[in-house]
Amino acid sequence: MSRTRLAVIFGGRSTEHSISCISAGSVLRAVDRARYEVVAIGIAPDGRWVLAGDDPSALEAHGRTLPSVDASTGASVAIAGDPSVKGLLVLEPGDVPRALTSVDVVFPLLHGPYGEDGTIQGLLELAGVPYVGSGVLASALCMDKEFMKVTLAARGLPVGPYAAVRRGDDVAAAVESLAYPLFVKPARGGSSLGISKVTSVSDLDAALETAWANDPKAIVEQGVAGREIECAVLQGARGAEPETSLPAEVRVSGEWYDFDAKYLDEGTEFDIPANLPDEVTAEVRALAAKAFTACGCAGLARVDFFVTDDGVVVNEVNTMPGFTPQSMYPRMWEATGVPYGALVDRLVTLALEAGTGLR
C-alpha cells in the first residue's frame, strides 16, 4: 500500500519563525511514518525554500536558543504554481528548474505573515495541492485582528473595545473611548511579539512604535479584567458541525501572557480542562464553534476568550495555532480524548477530503 506524501512546511519570513520550527518538530515526531512519506521543507528567514532534514530533534528549543532554518544546508526548492506538476521543483543555480517529487498534501506549519495570512494558501490553491487548515480568505481575515473583530461583531459575537491605528492617524481621537490599561499589538502578528501593556497615556507612543516595527497597522485593545480561556476547534468530517475541545485556562505569574510565558515556561500554569461552571464551559465551546464558522475557518482553529463577571468575550481566532510541546491546541485535544498523533492524522485527512478550489 503506497503512503501518502506529506510535505511539512515550516520556518518562514515572520517573527514567529522559530516557533514554526518547533511546531514542525513536534509534528514530525508524531506523524505516522507507516501511513505518510514525509518531505520536510524549511523556509529561511530571508524567504529561501530548502529541502530540510526531518529529524525532529534538530527543531527543538534548548533553553532560550531557538531553532532556525539554514538555507545553506539543503537543495533549493519551490512549489510549482502549476496544477499539472503538483509538487516540488529543484532550483539549482544556472540550471533549468526540474521536478523533484509530487506532493499529495501539505501541512503549512507557518505562523504569522507570509504563511498564516493566506499567502501560502493561495500558492497551494494555484498549485492544486490540498493543505491543512483554512483557505485564503479565512486565513487573511483572522490574521488581521481588526477585520477579524469586525466580522465577529457583525455575526453577533461579543468582542472587547479596540481601535486600529496607523502612522499619521489621530491616535488621541482613536483611543479616547478606551480605558487603561491598554494592550498595543501588531495587527497582523502573533506569539505575543511586539505587544506592550500600557497603563498611562505617556507610554502609548513608545508602545505604538514597538508595534509598528512589526506591522504598519497596530491594534489597541482595552484591557479586559477576566480569566484567559482558550478552546480548540476541529472541523467536522464531511460537512458535520465543528467539534470543540474542553477549554483550558492560562494562569501567568507575570502581568500578562507574553512570549516568555507562552514558549519558555516562564512561570505559566495551565488548567486543562479549565475549572469553570458547566454552563460557562458550554458557552465557551458554543462561541468557539460560532467564531470558527463566522470567520469561514476550515481544518482547525484556536479561539481565545476572556471570561469576565459580565460574560464571555471573544479575543482572537488563530487559524494555525502552535503545535509545540507547550502549545495549548494539541494539549486541549489530548485532554478531550484525541492524542497528538491522531490529531495530526485527522487534520491531514480533512485536508485530503477538502481538496482545493472554492469551499
Protein backbone atom coordinates (compact mmCIF):
# COMPACT_ATOMS: atom_id res chain seq x y z
CA MET A 1 0.00 0.00 0.00
CA SER A 2 1.53 3.31 -1.09
CA ARG A 3 1.99 6.00 1.50
CA THR A 4 0.54 9.49 1.24
CA ARG A 5 3.30 12.01 0.53
CA LEU A 6 3.00 14.76 3.15
CA ALA A 7 5.03 17.94 2.87
CA VAL A 8 5.58 19.70 6.20
CA ILE A 9 6.50 23.35 5.59
CA PHE A 10 7.96 25.42 8.42
CA GLY A 11 10.07 28.43 9.32
CA GLY A 12 9.08 31.38 7.18
CA ARG A 13 9.72 35.11 6.99
CA SER A 14 7.70 36.23 10.01
CA THR A 15 8.93 36.99 13.51
CA GLU A 16 7.38 33.66 14.55
CA HIS A 17 9.96 31.73 12.51
CA SER A 18 11.41 29.76 15.42
CA ILE A 19 8.01 28.88 16.88
CA SER A 20 7.07 27.45 13.50
CA CYS A 21 10.22 25.30 13.53
CA ILE A 22 9.40 23.95 17.00
CA SER A 23 5.83 23.21 15.91
CA ALA A 24 7.15 21.32 12.89
CA GLY A 25 9.50 19.27 15.04
CA SER A 26 6.58 18.13 17.17
CA VAL A 27 4.51 17.17 14.12
CA LEU A 28 7.46 15.33 12.52
CA ARG A 29 7.89 13.34 15.71
CA ALA A 30 4.19 12.42 15.88
CA VAL A 31 3.33 11.67 12.25
CA ASP A 32 2.71 8.01 11.40
CA ARG A 33 5.57 7.10 9.02
CA ALA A 34 3.77 3.89 8.08
CA ARG A 35 0.98 5.98 6.54
CA TYR A 36 2.85 9.06 5.41
CA GLU A 37 6.02 9.66 3.44
CA VAL A 38 7.26 12.94 4.85
CA VAL A 39 9.01 15.68 2.89
CA ALA A 40 10.33 18.43 5.18
CA ILE A 41 10.58 21.91 3.62
CA GLY A 42 12.17 24.76 5.52
CA ILE A 43 11.72 28.42 4.64
CA ALA A 44 14.64 30.54 5.80
CA PRO A 45 14.08 33.96 7.41
CA ASP A 46 15.03 35.59 4.10
CA GLY A 47 12.37 33.58 2.26
CA ARG A 48 14.50 30.89 0.58
CA TRP A 49 12.95 27.42 0.45
CA VAL A 50 15.13 24.35 1.03
CA LEU A 51 14.74 20.64 1.48
CA ALA A 52 15.30 20.08 5.18
CA GLY A 53 16.06 17.05 7.27
CA ASP A 54 13.09 15.50 9.01
CA ASP A 55 14.89 14.84 12.30
CA PRO A 56 12.61 16.31 14.99
CA SER A 57 15.47 16.81 17.44
CA ALA A 58 17.04 19.40 15.11
CA LEU A 59 13.96 21.58 15.58
CA GLU A 60 13.88 21.67 19.37
CA ALA A 61 14.43 24.67 21.59
CA HIS A 62 17.32 24.49 24.04
CA GLY A 63 16.54 26.99 26.73
CA ARG A 64 16.48 30.37 25.03
CA THR A 65 18.31 29.04 21.98
CA LEU A 66 15.59 28.64 19.35
CA PRO A 67 15.85 26.69 16.08
CA SER A 68 16.02 28.31 12.66
CA VAL A 69 16.13 27.20 9.03
CA ASP A 70 19.61 27.42 7.49
CA ALA A 71 19.19 27.92 3.74
CA SER A 72 22.74 26.69 3.06
CA THR A 73 22.09 23.13 4.26
CA GLY A 74 19.73 21.79 1.60
CA ALA A 75 18.75 21.94 -2.06
CA SER A 76 16.71 24.99 -3.03
CA VAL A 77 13.14 24.08 -3.91
CA ALA A 78 9.84 25.71 -4.78
CA ILE A 79 6.25 24.59 -5.16
CA ALA A 80 5.18 25.00 -8.75
CA GLY A 81 2.09 27.16 -9.22
CA ASP A 82 1.02 24.73 -11.93
CA PRO A 83 -1.59 22.10 -11.02
CA SER A 84 -0.20 19.70 -13.61
CA VAL A 85 3.04 19.43 -11.60
CA LYS A 86 1.57 19.08 -8.09
CA GLY A 87 4.94 19.08 -6.49
CA LEU A 88 8.38 20.47 -5.85
CA LEU A 89 10.88 21.94 -8.26
CA VAL A 90 14.62 21.85 -7.60
CA LEU A 91 16.22 25.23 -8.22
CA GLU A 92 19.92 24.71 -8.85
CA PRO A 93 21.92 27.83 -9.80
CA GLY A 94 22.28 28.17 -13.56
CA ASP A 95 20.12 25.10 -14.19
CA VAL A 96 16.61 24.71 -15.57
CA PRO A 97 14.17 24.03 -12.70
CA ARG A 98 13.23 20.36 -12.67
CA ALA A 99 10.51 18.42 -10.92
CA LEU A 100 11.63 16.63 -7.78
CA THR A 101 8.56 14.85 -6.47
CA SER A 102 4.81 15.15 -6.40
CA VAL A 103 3.10 16.08 -3.14
CA ASP A 104 -0.28 14.75 -2.05
CA VAL A 105 -0.95 17.18 0.80
CA VAL A 106 0.82 19.98 2.67
CA PHE A 107 0.83 20.81 6.36
CA PRO A 108 1.82 24.52 6.32
CA LEU A 109 3.06 24.96 9.89
CA LEU A 110 3.73 28.64 9.37
CA HIS A 111 2.74 31.25 11.92
CA GLY A 112 2.23 34.91 11.16
CA PRO A 113 2.66 36.87 7.89
CA TYR A 114 3.83 35.09 4.72
CA GLY A 115 2.23 31.85 5.83
CA GLU A 116 -0.73 32.01 8.16
CA ASP A 117 -2.18 35.04 6.39
CA GLY A 118 -3.47 33.42 3.19
CA THR A 119 -0.30 33.83 1.12
CA ILE A 120 0.89 30.22 1.11
CA GLN A 121 -2.72 29.07 0.95
CA GLY A 122 -3.08 31.00 -2.31
CA LEU A 123 0.07 29.41 -3.70
CA LEU A 124 -1.17 25.93 -2.83
CA GLU A 125 -4.53 26.67 -4.43
CA LEU A 126 -2.72 27.67 -7.64
CA ALA A 127 -0.64 24.50 -7.41
CA GLY A 128 -3.71 22.34 -6.89
CA VAL A 129 -2.23 20.76 -3.74
CA PRO A 130 -4.52 20.16 -0.73
CA TYR A 131 -3.38 21.65 2.55
CA VAL A 132 -4.21 21.57 6.24
CA GLY A 133 -6.18 24.49 7.64
CA SER A 134 -8.24 27.42 6.47
CA GLY A 135 -8.36 28.81 2.97
CA VAL A 136 -7.17 32.15 1.64
CA LEU A 137 -9.97 34.37 2.93
CA ALA A 138 -10.31 32.94 6.44
CA SER A 139 -6.54 32.87 6.89
CA ALA A 140 -6.17 36.51 5.85
CA LEU A 141 -9.21 37.59 7.85
CA CYS A 142 -8.12 36.01 11.13
CA MET A 143 -4.54 37.22 10.68
CA ASP A 144 -5.80 40.79 10.72
CA LYS A 145 -7.12 41.44 14.23
CA GLU A 146 -9.11 44.48 13.12
CA PHE A 147 -11.14 42.74 10.43
CA MET A 148 -11.46 39.56 12.49
CA LYS A 149 -13.16 41.61 15.22
CA VAL A 150 -15.33 43.41 12.66
CA THR A 151 -16.51 40.06 11.32
CA LEU A 152 -17.12 38.53 14.75
CA ALA A 153 -19.11 41.56 15.90
CA ALA A 154 -21.14 41.56 12.67
CA ARG A 155 -22.12 37.95 13.39
CA GLY A 156 -23.25 38.87 16.90
CA LEU A 157 -20.28 37.55 18.87
CA PRO A 158 -19.04 39.58 21.86
CA VAL A 159 -15.70 41.37 21.37
CA GLY A 160 -13.88 43.89 23.56
CA PRO A 161 -13.39 47.60 22.78
CA TYR A 162 -10.49 48.35 20.41
CA ALA A 163 -9.07 50.73 17.81
CA ALA A 164 -6.86 50.23 14.76
CA VAL A 165 -4.10 52.82 14.31
CA ARG A 166 -1.58 53.57 11.56
CA ARG A 167 1.17 56.20 11.43
CA GLY A 168 -0.34 59.59 10.69
CA ASP A 169 -3.69 58.75 12.30
CA ASP A 170 -5.11 60.88 15.08
CA VAL A 171 -4.14 58.49 17.87
CA ALA A 172 -5.75 60.52 20.64
CA ALA A 173 -9.10 60.51 18.86
CA ALA A 174 -8.84 56.81 18.00
CA VAL A 175 -8.29 55.70 21.59
CA GLU A 176 -10.23 58.34 23.52
CA SER A 177 -13.10 55.96 24.29
CA LEU A 178 -10.77 53.20 25.58
CA ALA A 179 -9.99 52.80 29.26
CA TYR A 180 -6.50 51.96 30.54
CA PRO A 181 -4.74 49.59 30.74
CA LEU A 182 -4.40 49.09 27.00
CA PHE A 183 -2.67 46.36 25.04
CA VAL A 184 -0.94 47.58 21.89
CA LYS A 185 -0.23 44.90 19.29
CA PRO A 186 0.85 44.48 15.68
CA ALA A 187 -2.49 43.99 13.93
CA ARG A 188 -1.20 41.00 11.97
CA GLY A 189 1.27 39.45 14.38
CA GLY A 190 1.23 36.60 16.85
CA SER A 191 3.03 34.75 19.65
CA SER A 192 2.83 37.95 21.76
CA LEU A 193 5.70 39.51 19.76
CA GLY A 194 5.72 43.29 19.57
CA ILE A 195 2.99 43.63 22.22
CA SER A 196 3.09 46.17 25.05
CA LYS A 197 0.89 46.73 28.07
CA VAL A 198 0.22 50.44 28.53
CA THR A 199 -1.03 51.85 31.82
CA SER A 200 -0.87 55.57 31.02
CA VAL A 201 -1.02 57.86 28.00
CA SER A 202 2.67 58.75 28.47
CA ASP A 203 3.68 55.22 27.42
CA LEU A 204 1.36 54.94 24.43
CA ASP A 205 3.67 56.40 21.77
CA ALA A 206 6.52 54.04 22.64
CA ALA A 207 4.17 51.06 22.58
CA LEU A 208 2.87 52.05 19.16
CA GLU A 209 6.43 52.36 17.84
CA THR A 210 7.12 48.82 19.07
CA ALA A 211 4.02 47.51 17.33
CA TRP A 212 4.69 49.47 14.12
CA ALA A 213 8.18 48.00 13.96
CA ASN A 214 6.41 44.70 13.25
CA ASP A 215 3.38 45.89 11.28
CA PRO A 216 2.34 49.27 9.81
CA LYS A 217 -1.06 48.80 11.45
CA ALA A 218 -1.41 48.46 15.23
CA ILE A 219 -4.44 47.32 17.17
CA VAL A 220 -5.08 48.95 20.54
CA GLU A 221 -7.28 46.85 22.80
CA GLN A 222 -8.85 47.89 26.06
CA GLY A 223 -7.70 45.55 28.80
CA VAL A 224 -10.37 43.08 29.86
CA ALA A 225 -10.46 42.01 33.52
CA GLY A 226 -11.14 38.31 33.29
CA ARG A 227 -9.78 34.80 33.15
CA GLU A 228 -7.88 33.83 29.99
CA ILE A 229 -9.62 30.81 28.48
CA GLU A 230 -8.84 29.00 25.23
CA CYS A 231 -10.80 26.45 23.24
CA ALA A 232 -9.66 24.29 20.32
CA VAL A 233 -11.90 23.76 17.31
CA LEU A 234 -11.71 20.96 14.76
CA GLN A 235 -13.66 20.90 11.51
CA GLY A 236 -16.39 18.30 11.42
CA ALA A 237 -15.94 15.46 8.95
CA ARG A 238 -17.91 15.60 5.69
CA GLY A 239 -19.93 18.70 6.47
CA ALA A 240 -20.66 17.98 10.12
CA GLU A 241 -20.70 20.78 12.69
CA PRO A 242 -17.32 21.87 14.11
CA GLU A 243 -16.10 19.97 17.16
CA THR A 244 -14.75 21.74 20.21
CA SER A 245 -12.35 20.66 22.93
CA LEU A 246 -12.61 21.07 26.64
CA PRO A 247 -11.49 24.65 27.36
CA ALA A 248 -8.24 25.43 29.14
CA GLU A 249 -7.23 28.30 31.39
CA VAL A 250 -3.92 30.14 31.20
CA ARG A 251 -2.61 31.43 34.54
CA VAL A 252 0.52 33.56 34.46
CA SER A 253 2.67 34.77 37.31
CA GLY A 254 3.60 37.94 35.43
CA GLU A 255 1.38 40.78 34.28
CA TRP A 256 0.22 39.10 31.09
CA TYR A 257 0.68 36.17 28.71
CA ASP A 258 3.83 37.32 26.86
CA PHE A 259 6.29 35.40 24.64
CA ASP A 260 8.36 34.02 27.52
CA ALA A 261 5.25 32.83 29.32
CA LYS A 262 3.98 31.11 26.17
CA TYR A 263 7.09 29.33 24.95
CA LEU A 264 9.85 29.44 27.54
CA ASP A 265 7.88 28.15 30.52
CA GLU A 266 8.37 31.35 32.48
CA GLY A 267 6.01 30.91 35.43
CA THR A 268 2.92 29.94 33.45
CA GLU A 269 0.42 27.36 34.64
CA PHE A 270 -2.37 25.74 32.66
CA ASP A 271 -5.58 24.18 33.86
CA ILE A 272 -6.68 21.62 31.29
CA PRO A 273 -9.62 21.45 31.48
CA ALA A 274 -10.41 24.83 32.93
CA ASN A 275 -12.22 24.91 36.26
CA LEU A 276 -15.38 26.59 35.03
CA PRO A 277 -19.05 26.10 35.84
CA ASP A 278 -20.67 23.69 33.39
CA GLU A 279 -22.82 26.42 31.87
CA VAL A 280 -19.77 28.64 31.21
CA THR A 281 -17.86 25.72 29.67
CA ALA A 282 -20.84 25.09 27.38
CA GLU A 283 -20.99 28.78 26.42
CA VAL A 284 -17.27 28.93 25.63
CA ARG A 285 -17.49 25.83 23.44
CA ALA A 286 -20.56 27.13 21.62
CA LEU A 287 -18.97 30.53 21.00
CA ALA A 288 -15.77 28.86 19.75
CA ALA A 289 -17.74 26.91 17.16
CA LYS A 290 -19.68 30.05 16.15
CA ALA A 291 -16.45 32.06 15.77
CA PHE A 292 -14.93 29.28 13.64
CA THR A 293 -17.97 29.32 11.35
CA ALA A 294 -18.33 33.12 11.30
CA CYS A 295 -14.78 33.53 10.00
CA GLY A 296 -15.14 30.74 7.44
CA CYS A 297 -12.40 28.64 9.02
CA ALA A 298 -11.53 25.10 7.94
CA GLY A 299 -9.49 22.33 9.48
CA LEU A 300 -8.55 23.83 12.81
CA ALA A 301 -8.51 26.96 14.92
CA ARG A 302 -7.90 28.02 18.50
CA VAL A 303 -10.30 30.60 19.88
CA ASP A 304 -9.16 32.74 22.81
CA PHE A 305 -11.57 34.25 25.33
CA PHE A 306 -11.85 36.34 28.45
CA VAL A 307 -14.36 35.07 30.97
CA THR A 308 -15.45 38.08 33.00
CA ASP A 309 -18.02 38.78 35.69
CA ASP A 310 -20.24 40.18 32.94
CA GLY A 311 -19.91 37.30 30.50
CA VAL A 312 -17.65 35.75 27.87
CA VAL A 313 -15.68 37.90 25.40
CA VAL A 314 -14.01 36.58 22.24
CA ASN A 315 -10.43 37.85 21.96
CA GLU A 316 -8.87 36.15 18.92
CA VAL A 317 -9.24 33.35 16.39
CA ASN A 318 -5.96 31.64 15.41
CA THR A 319 -6.14 29.60 12.20
CA MET A 320 -2.74 27.90 12.61
CA PRO A 321 -2.15 27.67 16.36
CA GLY A 322 1.16 26.46 17.72
CA PHE A 323 1.91 22.74 17.77
CA THR A 324 4.87 22.91 20.13
CA PRO A 325 5.00 20.62 23.19
CA GLN A 326 3.74 23.57 25.28
CA SER A 327 1.06 24.65 22.82
CA MET A 328 -2.49 24.68 24.05
CA TYR A 329 -4.20 23.42 20.89
CA PRO A 330 -2.90 19.83 20.96
CA ARG A 331 -2.96 19.73 24.76
CA MET A 332 -6.65 20.63 24.86
CA TRP A 333 -7.47 17.88 22.37
CA GLU A 334 -5.36 15.43 24.36
CA ALA A 335 -7.50 16.25 27.42
CA THR A 336 -10.62 15.78 25.30
CA GLY A 337 -9.54 12.32 24.19
CA VAL A 338 -7.74 12.95 20.90
CA PRO A 339 -3.99 12.12 21.15
CA TYR A 340 -1.43 14.23 19.28
CA GLY A 341 -0.74 11.65 16.56
CA ALA A 342 -4.44 11.05 15.93
CA LEU A 343 -5.00 14.81 15.75
CA VAL A 344 -2.32 15.22 13.07
CA ASP A 345 -3.82 12.33 11.09
CA ARG A 346 -7.32 13.81 11.39
CA LEU A 347 -6.15 17.18 10.09
CA VAL A 348 -4.34 15.66 7.11
CA THR A 349 -7.39 13.51 6.31
CA LEU A 350 -9.66 16.58 6.41
CA ALA A 351 -7.29 18.37 4.02
CA LEU A 352 -7.30 15.49 1.55
CA GLU A 353 -11.09 15.30 1.66
CA ALA A 354 -11.46 19.05 1.08
CA GLY A 355 -9.06 19.24 -1.86
CA THR A 356 -8.55 22.70 -3.38
CA GLY A 357 -10.84 25.22 -5.02
CA LEU A 358 -13.88 27.06 -3.74
CA ARG A 359 -15.27 25.64 -0.50
